[in-house]
């Protein structure tokens, strides 16, 4: 058997990529196998909801190799990005389900991330005018915020009373 150190420098490769075949392969053969491995990895990545480190571990692929593929192959990068978009859509659908159950933290999270144009922005700046509050919502009247807090407190009390 040919040892890794005995191979010519241009013939060395990561052993995980080539599970069968002769000890020395042509560039075309290596490229064909690499493309097959990329396809298999992308299928597993999709099944694992875009969790790259977890998928690399399961697949036996060094994380750096994934990054190299991502940076060098626009088609591969596009597939990874598409998987991530599908995962984001899935998570957003779960968030909407929680919002439909009138979860105040979920509603606030959504407004802080998606409602910025409407003034639902947190400002954690040291020059905030009201030093009693660590956060202030910009563009929203303080009376509205206070009323919202009171409504939340009432709803929590009602939920607690109903549980008893």
Protein backbone atom coordinates (compact mmCIF):
# COMPACT_ATOMS: atom_id res chain seq x y z
CA UNK A 1 0.00 0.00 0.00
CA UNK A 2 1.22 3.49 -0.85
CA UNK A 3 1.79 5.63 2.25
CA UNK A 4 0.56 9.24 2.24
CA UNK A 5 4.12 10.56 2.67
CA UNK A 6 5.29 8.47 -0.33
CA UNK A 7 2.78 10.01 -2.73
CA UNK A 8 3.89 12.85 -4.97
CA UNK A 9 2.86 16.18 -3.48
CA UNK A 10 0.22 16.87 -6.17
CA UNK A 11 -1.32 13.42 -5.58
CA UNK A 12 -1.99 13.84 -1.83
CA UNK A 13 -5.59 14.15 -0.75
CA UNK A 14 -7.76 13.84 2.31
CA UNK A 15 -8.54 10.16 2.77
CA UNK A 16 -12.21 10.87 3.69
CA UNK A 17 -12.89 12.02 0.12
CA UNK A 18 -11.88 8.84 -1.60
CA UNK A 19 -13.29 5.71 -0.05
CA UNK A 20 -12.61 3.35 -2.94
CA UNK A 21 -10.51 3.03 -6.06
CA UNK A 22 -6.84 3.05 -6.80
CA UNK A 23 -4.35 4.75 -4.53
CA UNK A 24 -3.62 7.37 -7.19
CA UNK A 25 -6.48 8.89 -9.20
CA UNK A 26 -6.67 11.28 -12.06
CA UNK A 27 -7.85 14.85 -11.46
CA UNK A 28 -11.08 14.09 -13.30
CA UNK A 29 -11.78 11.10 -11.05
CA UNK A 30 -11.07 13.14 -7.91
CA UNK A 31 -13.32 15.96 -9.15
CA UNK A 32 -16.12 13.51 -9.92
CA UNK A 33 -15.89 11.96 -6.47
CA UNK A 34 -15.70 15.41 -4.82
CA UNK A 35 -18.87 16.53 -6.62
CA UNK A 36 -20.64 13.36 -5.46
CA UNK A 37 -19.51 14.00 -1.89
CA UNK A 38 -20.76 17.60 -2.11
CA UNK A 39 -24.15 16.37 -3.25
CA UNK A 40 -24.34 13.80 -0.44
CA UNK A 41 -23.26 16.43 2.10
CA UNK A 42 -25.90 18.89 0.89
CA UNK A 43 -28.62 16.23 1.23
CA UNK A 44 -27.52 15.52 4.81
CA UNK A 45 -27.25 19.26 5.55
CA UNK A 46 -30.84 19.73 4.41
CA UNK A 47 -32.00 16.80 6.55
CA UNK A 48 -30.15 18.34 9.53
CA UNK A 49 -31.90 21.71 9.07
CA UNK A 50 -28.72 23.53 8.04
CA UNK A 51 -26.68 22.65 11.13
CA UNK A 52 -23.24 22.73 9.53
CA UNK A 53 -20.98 21.57 12.40
CA UNK A 54 -23.36 18.72 13.25
CA UNK A 55 -23.57 17.68 9.60
CA UNK A 56 -19.79 17.86 9.14
CA UNK A 57 -19.35 15.63 12.17
CA UNK A 58 -21.93 13.10 10.97
CA UNK A 59 -20.50 13.10 7.44
CA UNK A 60 -16.87 12.97 8.57
CA UNK A 61 -16.08 16.17 6.70
CA UNK A 62 -13.69 18.73 8.18
CA UNK A 63 -15.49 22.04 8.70
CA UNK A 64 -12.71 23.84 6.84
CA UNK A 65 -13.41 21.70 3.77
CA UNK A 66 -17.04 22.84 3.85
CA UNK A 67 -15.82 26.46 4.02
CA UNK A 68 -13.40 25.87 1.15
CA UNK A 69 -16.19 24.42 -0.98
CA UNK A 70 -18.50 27.29 -0.01
CA UNK A 71 -15.95 29.93 -0.96
CA UNK A 72 -14.70 28.26 -4.15
CA UNK A 73 -17.89 26.83 -5.66
CA UNK A 74 -20.75 29.29 -6.33
CA UNK A 75 -23.22 26.46 -7.04
CA UNK A 76 -22.40 24.79 -3.72
CA UNK A 77 -22.66 28.13 -1.89
CA UNK A 78 -26.03 28.79 -3.54
CA UNK A 79 -27.34 25.39 -2.40
CA UNK A 80 -26.16 26.02 1.18
CA UNK A 81 -27.78 29.47 1.16
CA UNK A 82 -31.03 27.98 -0.14
CA UNK A 83 -31.03 25.38 2.64
CA UNK A 84 -30.55 28.18 5.18
CA UNK A 85 -33.46 30.13 3.69
CA UNK A 86 -35.70 27.07 4.01
CA UNK A 87 -34.63 26.71 7.66
CA UNK A 88 -35.39 30.40 8.29
CA UNK A 89 -38.84 29.95 6.74
CA UNK A 90 -39.45 26.91 8.95
CA UNK A 91 -38.43 28.80 12.11
CA UNK A 92 -40.54 31.83 11.14
CA UNK A 93 -43.56 29.56 10.70
CA UNK A 94 -43.02 28.30 14.26
CA UNK A 95 -42.74 31.88 15.50
CA UNK A 96 -46.04 32.77 13.80
CA UNK A 97 -47.73 29.83 15.53
CA UNK A 98 -46.51 31.10 18.91
CA UNK A 99 -47.63 34.64 18.05
CA UNK A 100 -51.10 33.30 17.19
CA UNK A 101 -51.28 32.02 20.77
CA UNK A 102 -50.75 35.66 21.82
CA UNK A 103 -47.33 35.15 23.38
CA UNK A 104 -46.19 38.65 24.35
CA UNK A 105 -42.45 37.85 24.22
CA UNK A 106 -42.87 36.37 20.73
CA UNK A 107 -44.85 39.40 19.60
CA UNK A 108 -42.23 41.77 20.99
CA UNK A 109 -39.42 39.78 19.40
CA UNK A 110 -41.15 39.91 16.05
CA UNK A 111 -41.80 43.65 16.29
CA UNK A 112 -38.22 44.38 17.37
CA UNK A 113 -36.84 42.46 14.41
CA UNK A 114 -39.44 42.98 11.67
CA UNK A 115 -41.18 46.17 12.86
CA UNK A 116 -38.18 48.47 12.99
CA UNK A 117 -39.57 50.77 10.29
CA UNK A 118 -42.59 51.36 12.50
CA UNK A 119 -40.51 52.38 15.50
CA UNK A 120 -40.20 49.10 17.38
CA UNK A 121 -36.49 49.50 18.04
CA UNK A 122 -34.61 49.02 21.27
CA UNK A 123 -31.97 51.56 22.10
CA UNK A 124 -29.33 50.45 24.58
CA UNK A 125 -27.23 53.57 24.38
CA UNK A 126 -25.46 55.07 27.40
CA UNK A 127 -26.88 58.49 26.58
CA UNK A 128 -30.52 57.38 27.06
CA UNK A 129 -32.51 60.22 28.60
CA UNK A 130 -34.37 58.02 31.06
CA UNK A 131 -31.70 56.50 33.32
CA UNK A 132 -34.28 54.38 35.22
CA UNK A 133 -34.83 52.19 32.18
CA UNK A 134 -32.01 50.26 30.57
CA UNK A 135 -33.91 50.05 27.30
CA UNK A 136 -36.15 52.52 25.53
CA UNK A 137 -38.30 51.93 22.51
CA UNK A 138 -37.64 54.72 20.03
CA UNK A 139 -40.53 56.42 18.32
CA UNK A 140 -43.20 55.10 20.68
CA UNK A 141 -44.94 57.22 23.30
CA UNK A 142 -44.01 56.34 26.92
CA UNK A 143 -47.70 56.22 27.89
CA UNK A 144 -48.28 53.53 25.27
CA UNK A 145 -45.36 51.53 26.61
CA UNK A 146 -46.62 51.84 30.18
CA UNK A 147 -50.13 50.79 29.12
CA UNK A 148 -48.65 47.80 27.29
CA UNK A 149 -46.71 46.80 30.42
CA UNK A 150 -49.83 47.05 32.54
CA UNK A 151 -51.75 44.91 30.03
CA UNK A 152 -48.99 42.30 30.13
CA UNK A 153 -49.03 42.25 33.94
CA UNK A 154 -52.83 41.85 33.93
CA UNK A 155 -52.68 39.03 31.39
CA UNK A 156 -50.05 37.24 33.47
CA UNK A 157 -52.20 37.57 36.57
CA UNK A 158 -55.24 36.28 34.68
CA UNK A 159 -53.26 33.32 33.32
CA UNK A 160 -51.98 32.55 36.83
CA UNK A 161 -55.47 32.78 38.34
CA UNK A 162 -56.87 30.45 35.67
CA UNK A 163 -54.15 27.87 36.37
CA UNK A 164 -55.17 27.62 40.05
